[in-house]
Amino acid sequence: MNLKFKDKPIWKFIGIAYLIIAFIWFGLMLLLLNTVGFVLDLLMVMDLFMILGSLVLFVYYIKLNTIDYLRIDNNILSIHKGLRIRKEINIEEIEKGYIARDKLILILNSEKEIDIYINQLLIKDYEKLISELSNSFVIGKL
């Protein structure tokens, strides 16, 4: 089961903001092209990294609603935690779960807590998640 991020207008806004930042850095790089010197060469390299970083973040935020926030395959729960980072948990390691405000808190056998942010999911996806996880452990409310 793959559950995608809910589409939120703020993510498109943030993505466009990073695109504007990339253009600003590009404009700064064009201004620096006419100057010479080691410090300016270093600034050009840093400027290039800022442009690339801003473009990566632009693409990330624009495409965020196409990324799987949660995956459940072969009794493994995988949670999206960043650009390319996923936290994987064996469902058998989860002792219990609690619903608190805007998140589902999973308590592992090792006493660790894992948060799943409910507001990142559509309501129907949240219901699917609760239904799937309820088969393996008890989910209560705080």
C-alpha atoms as a PDB file:
ATOM      1  CA  MET A   1       0.000   0.000   0.000  1.00  0.00           C
ATOM      2  CA  ASN A   2       1.372   3.402  -1.048  1.00  0.00           C
ATOM      3  CA  LEU A   3      -0.028   6.585   0.505  1.00  0.00           C
ATOM      4  CA  LYS A   4       1.037   9.854  -1.105  1.00  0.00           C
ATOM      5  CA  PHE A   5       1.422  13.298   0.429  1.00  0.00           C
ATOM      6  CA  LYS A   6      -1.751  15.375   0.387  1.00  0.00           C
ATOM      7  CA  ASP A   7      -1.550  18.172  -2.164  1.00  0.00           C
ATOM      8  CA  LYS A   8      -1.166  21.501  -0.363  1.00  0.00           C
ATOM      9  CA  PRO A   9      -0.945  24.904  -2.088  1.00  0.00           C
ATOM     10  CA  ILE A  10       1.795  26.031   0.327  1.00  0.00           C
ATOM     11  CA  TRP A  11       4.174  23.456  -1.168  1.00  0.00           C
ATOM     12  CA  LYS A  12       3.700  24.924  -4.657  1.00  0.00           C
ATOM     13  CA  PHE A  13       4.308  28.384  -3.197  1.00  0.00           C
ATOM     14  CA  ILE A  14       7.510  27.217  -1.469  1.00  0.00           C
ATOM     15  CA  GLY A  15       8.660  25.525  -4.686  1.00  0.00           C
ATOM     16  CA  ILE A  16       8.126  28.705  -6.699  1.00  0.00           C
ATOM     17  CA  ALA A  17       9.942  30.695  -3.993  1.00  0.00           C
ATOM     18  CA  TYR A  18      12.978  28.403  -4.422  1.00  0.00           C
ATOM     19  CA  LEU A  19      12.818  28.923  -8.192  1.00  0.00           C
ATOM     20  CA  ILE A  20      12.862  32.698  -7.650  1.00  0.00           C
ATOM     21  CA  ILE A  21      15.824  32.274  -5.291  1.00  0.00           C
ATOM     22  CA  ALA A  22      17.629  30.273  -8.000  1.00  0.00           C
ATOM     23  CA  PHE A  23      17.051  33.130 -10.472  1.00  0.00           C
ATOM     24  CA  ILE A  24      18.380  35.640  -7.942  1.00  0.00           C
ATOM     25  CA  TRP A  25      21.527  33.565  -7.429  1.00  0.00           C
ATOM     26  CA  PHE A  26      21.871  33.236 -11.212  1.00  0.00           C
ATOM     27  CA  GLY A  27      21.624  37.025 -11.539  1.00  0.00           C
ATOM     28  CA  LEU A  28      24.327  37.408  -8.884  1.00  0.00           C
ATOM     29  CA  MET A  29      26.507  34.952 -10.794  1.00  0.00           C
ATOM     30  CA  LEU A  30      26.093  37.013 -13.978  1.00  0.00           C
ATOM     31  CA  LEU A  31      27.177  40.133 -12.067  1.00  0.00           C
ATOM     32  CA  LEU A  32      30.268  38.313 -10.792  1.00  0.00           C
ATOM     33  CA  LEU A  33      31.321  37.140 -14.280  1.00  0.00           C
ATOM     34  CA  ASN A  34      32.926  40.510 -15.086  1.00  0.00           C
ATOM     35  CA  THR A  35      35.212  40.459 -12.052  1.00  0.00           C
ATOM     36  CA  VAL A  36      38.432  38.524 -11.486  1.00  0.00           C
ATOM     37  CA  GLY A  37      40.140  37.123  -8.409  1.00  0.00           C
ATOM     38  CA  PHE A  38      40.376  34.068  -6.172  1.00  0.00           C
ATOM     39  CA  VAL A  39      37.699  35.214  -3.736  1.00  0.00           C
ATOM     40  CA  LEU A  40      35.328  35.884  -6.614  1.00  0.00           C
ATOM     41  CA  ASP A  41      36.062  32.444  -8.091  1.00  0.00           C
ATOM     42  CA  LEU A  42      35.149  30.940  -4.738  1.00  0.00           C
ATOM     43  CA  LEU A  43      31.949  33.014  -4.689  1.00  0.00           C
ATOM     44  CA  MET A  44      31.105  31.755  -8.188  1.00  0.00           C
ATOM     45  CA  VAL A  45      31.446  28.131  -7.061  1.00  0.00           C
ATOM     46  CA  MET A  46      29.321  28.801  -3.982  1.00  0.00           C
ATOM     47  CA  ASP A  47      26.801  30.624  -6.163  1.00  0.00           C
ATOM     48  CA  LEU A  48      26.594  27.623  -8.489  1.00  0.00           C
ATOM     49  CA  PHE A  49      25.903  25.313  -5.537  1.00  0.00           C
ATOM     50  CA  MET A  50      23.190  27.677  -4.294  1.00  0.00           C
ATOM     51  CA  ILE A  51      21.550  27.657  -7.739  1.00  0.00           C
ATOM     52  CA  LEU A  52      21.649  23.863  -7.935  1.00  0.00           C
ATOM     53  CA  GLY A  53      20.367  23.486  -4.360  1.00  0.00           C
ATOM     54  CA  SER A  54      17.502  25.903  -5.008  1.00  0.00           C
ATOM     55  CA  LEU A  55      16.554  24.047  -8.199  1.00  0.00           C
ATOM     56  CA  VAL A  56      16.577  20.700  -6.378  1.00  0.00           C
ATOM     57  CA  LEU A  57      14.298  22.122  -3.667  1.00  0.00           C
ATOM     58  CA  PHE A  58      12.056  23.675  -6.336  1.00  0.00           C
ATOM     59  CA  VAL A  59      11.529  20.290  -8.007  1.00  0.00           C
ATOM     60  CA  TYR A  60      11.096  18.559  -4.630  1.00  0.00           C
ATOM     61  CA  TYR A  61       8.327  20.875  -3.420  1.00  0.00           C
ATOM     62  CA  ILE A  62       6.533  21.035  -6.774  1.00  0.00           C
ATOM     63  CA  LYS A  63       6.456  17.210  -6.990  1.00  0.00           C
ATOM     64  CA  LEU A  64       5.879  16.521  -3.277  1.00  0.00           C
ATOM     65  CA  ASN A  65       2.293  15.338  -3.764  1.00  0.00           C
ATOM     66  CA  THR A  66       3.542  12.598  -6.135  1.00  0.00           C
ATOM     67  CA  ILE A  67       5.894  11.139  -3.495  1.00  0.00           C
ATOM     68  CA  ASP A  68       4.788   8.265  -1.257  1.00  0.00           C
ATOM     69  CA  TYR A  69       4.630   9.538   2.318  1.00  0.00           C
ATOM     70  CA  LEU A  70       3.978   6.027   3.635  1.00  0.00           C
ATOM     71  CA  ARG A  71       4.492   2.586   2.151  1.00  0.00           C
ATOM     72  CA  ILE A  72       3.499  -0.748   3.616  1.00  0.00           C
ATOM     73  CA  ASP A  73       5.016  -3.725   1.815  1.00  0.00           C
ATOM     74  CA  ASN A  74       5.883  -7.169   3.189  1.00  0.00           C
ATOM     75  CA  ASN A  75       5.108  -6.103   6.766  1.00  0.00           C
ATOM     76  CA  ILE A  76       7.518  -3.141   6.513  1.00  0.00           C
ATOM     77  CA  LEU A  77       6.283   0.413   7.130  1.00  0.00           C
ATOM     78  CA  SER A  78       8.367   2.989   5.274  1.00  0.00           C
ATOM     79  CA  ILE A  79       7.991   6.688   6.174  1.00  0.00           C
ATOM     80  CA  HIS A  80       9.287   9.538   3.999  1.00  0.00           C
ATOM     81  CA  LYS A  81      11.576  11.747   6.139  1.00  0.00           C
ATOM     82  CA  GLY A  82      13.243  14.092   3.658  1.00  0.00           C
ATOM     83  CA  LEU A  83      14.608  14.526   0.137  1.00  0.00           C
ATOM     84  CA  ARG A  84      15.676  10.883  -0.311  1.00  0.00           C
ATOM     85  CA  ILE A  85      15.495   9.607   3.278  1.00  0.00           C
ATOM     86  CA  ARG A  86      13.021   6.917   4.348  1.00  0.00           C
ATOM     87  CA  LYS A  87      12.602   5.402   7.811  1.00  0.00           C
ATOM     88  CA  GLU A  88      11.764   1.695   7.626  1.00  0.00           C
ATOM     89  CA  ILE A  89      10.095  -0.144  10.503  1.00  0.00           C
ATOM     90  CA  ASN A  90       9.058  -3.752  10.709  1.00  0.00           C
ATOM     91  CA  ILE A  91       5.383  -3.686  11.721  1.00  0.00           C
ATOM     92  CA  GLU A  92       6.048  -6.542  14.153  1.00  0.00           C
ATOM     93  CA  GLU A  93       8.356  -4.186  16.100  1.00  0.00           C
ATOM     94  CA  ILE A  94       5.446  -1.817  16.812  1.00  0.00           C
ATOM     95  CA  GLU A  95       3.938  -2.434  20.258  1.00  0.00           C
ATOM     96  CA  LYS A  96       1.032   0.034  20.071  1.00  0.00           C
ATOM     97  CA  GLY A  97      -0.100   3.308  18.576  1.00  0.00           C
ATOM     98  CA  TYR A  98      -1.786   6.468  19.803  1.00  0.00           C
ATOM     99  CA  ILE A  99      -3.641   9.168  17.929  1.00  0.00           C
ATOM    100  CA  ALA A 100      -2.777  12.593  19.342  1.00  0.00           C
ATOM    101  CA  ARG A 101      -3.990  15.788  17.666  1.00  0.00           C
ATOM    102  CA  ASP A 102      -2.439  15.814  14.194  1.00  0.00           C
ATOM    103  CA  LYS A 103      -0.222  12.753  14.450  1.00  0.00           C
ATOM    104  CA  LEU A 104      -0.215   9.018  14.930  1.00  0.00           C
ATOM    105  CA  ILE A 105       2.472   8.042  17.445  1.00  0.00           C
ATOM    106  CA  LEU A 106       3.853   4.535  17.078  1.00  0.00           C
ATOM    107  CA  ILE A 107       5.510   3.022  20.153  1.00  0.00           C
ATOM    108  CA  LEU A 108       8.136   0.426  19.254  1.00  0.00           C
ATOM    109  CA  ASN A 109       9.170  -2.535  21.396  1.00  0.00           C
ATOM    110  CA  SER A 110      12.486  -0.701  21.918  1.00  0.00           C
ATOM    111  CA  GLU A 111      10.557   2.195  23.599  1.00  0.00           C
ATOM    112  CA  LYS A 112      11.254   4.509  20.622  1.00  0.00           C
ATOM    113  CA  GLU A 113       8.453   6.696  19.317  1.00  0.00           C
ATOM    114  CA  ILE A 114       7.804   7.282  15.622  1.00  0.00           C
ATOM    115  CA  ASP A 115       5.501  10.091  14.477  1.00  0.00           C
ATOM    116  CA  ILE A 116       3.265   9.920  11.419  1.00  0.00           C
ATOM    117  CA  TYR A 117       1.713  13.284  10.622  1.00  0.00           C
ATOM    118  CA  ILE A 118      -1.957  12.773   9.825  1.00  0.00           C
ATOM    119  CA  ASN A 119      -2.327  16.150   8.118  1.00  0.00           C
ATOM    120  CA  GLN A 120       0.066  14.953   5.381  1.00  0.00           C
ATOM    121  CA  LEU A 121      -2.511  12.367   4.231  1.00  0.00           C
ATOM    122  CA  LEU A 122      -5.914  12.504   2.613  1.00  0.00           C
ATOM    123  CA  ILE A 123      -8.722  11.373   4.937  1.00  0.00           C
ATOM    124  CA  LYS A 124      -9.370   8.241   2.872  1.00  0.00           C
ATOM    125  CA  ASP A 125      -5.654   7.361   2.978  1.00  0.00           C
ATOM    126  CA  TYR A 126      -5.590   7.935   6.736  1.00  0.00           C
ATOM    127  CA  GLU A 127      -8.536   5.563   7.142  1.00  0.00           C
ATOM    128  CA  LYS A 128      -6.753   2.935   5.008  1.00  0.00           C
ATOM    129  CA  LEU A 129      -3.637   3.320   7.161  1.00  0.00           C
ATOM    130  CA  ILE A 130      -5.529   2.946  10.446  1.00  0.00           C
ATOM    131  CA  SER A 131      -7.403  -0.072   9.068  1.00  0.00           C
ATOM    132  CA  GLU A 132      -4.178  -1.738   7.935  1.00  0.00           C
ATOM    133  CA  LEU A 133      -2.228  -1.045  11.134  1.00  0.00           C
ATOM    134  CA  SER A 134      -5.150  -2.025  13.414  1.00  0.00           C
ATOM    135  CA  ASN A 135      -4.739  -5.586  12.164  1.00  0.00           C
ATOM    136  CA  SER A 136      -1.271  -5.747  13.755  1.00  0.00           C
ATOM    137  CA  PHE A 137      -1.521  -3.740  17.005  1.00  0.00           C
ATOM    138  CA  VAL A 138      -3.877  -1.659  19.146  1.00  0.00           C
ATOM    139  CA  ILE A 139      -4.317   2.020  18.286  1.00  0.00           C
ATOM    140  CA  GLY A 140      -5.713   4.195  21.084  1.00  0.00           C
ATOM    141  CA  LYS A 141      -6.340   7.901  21.595  1.00  0.00           C
ATOM    142  CA  LEU A 142      -4.501  10.294  23.901  1.00  0.00           C
END
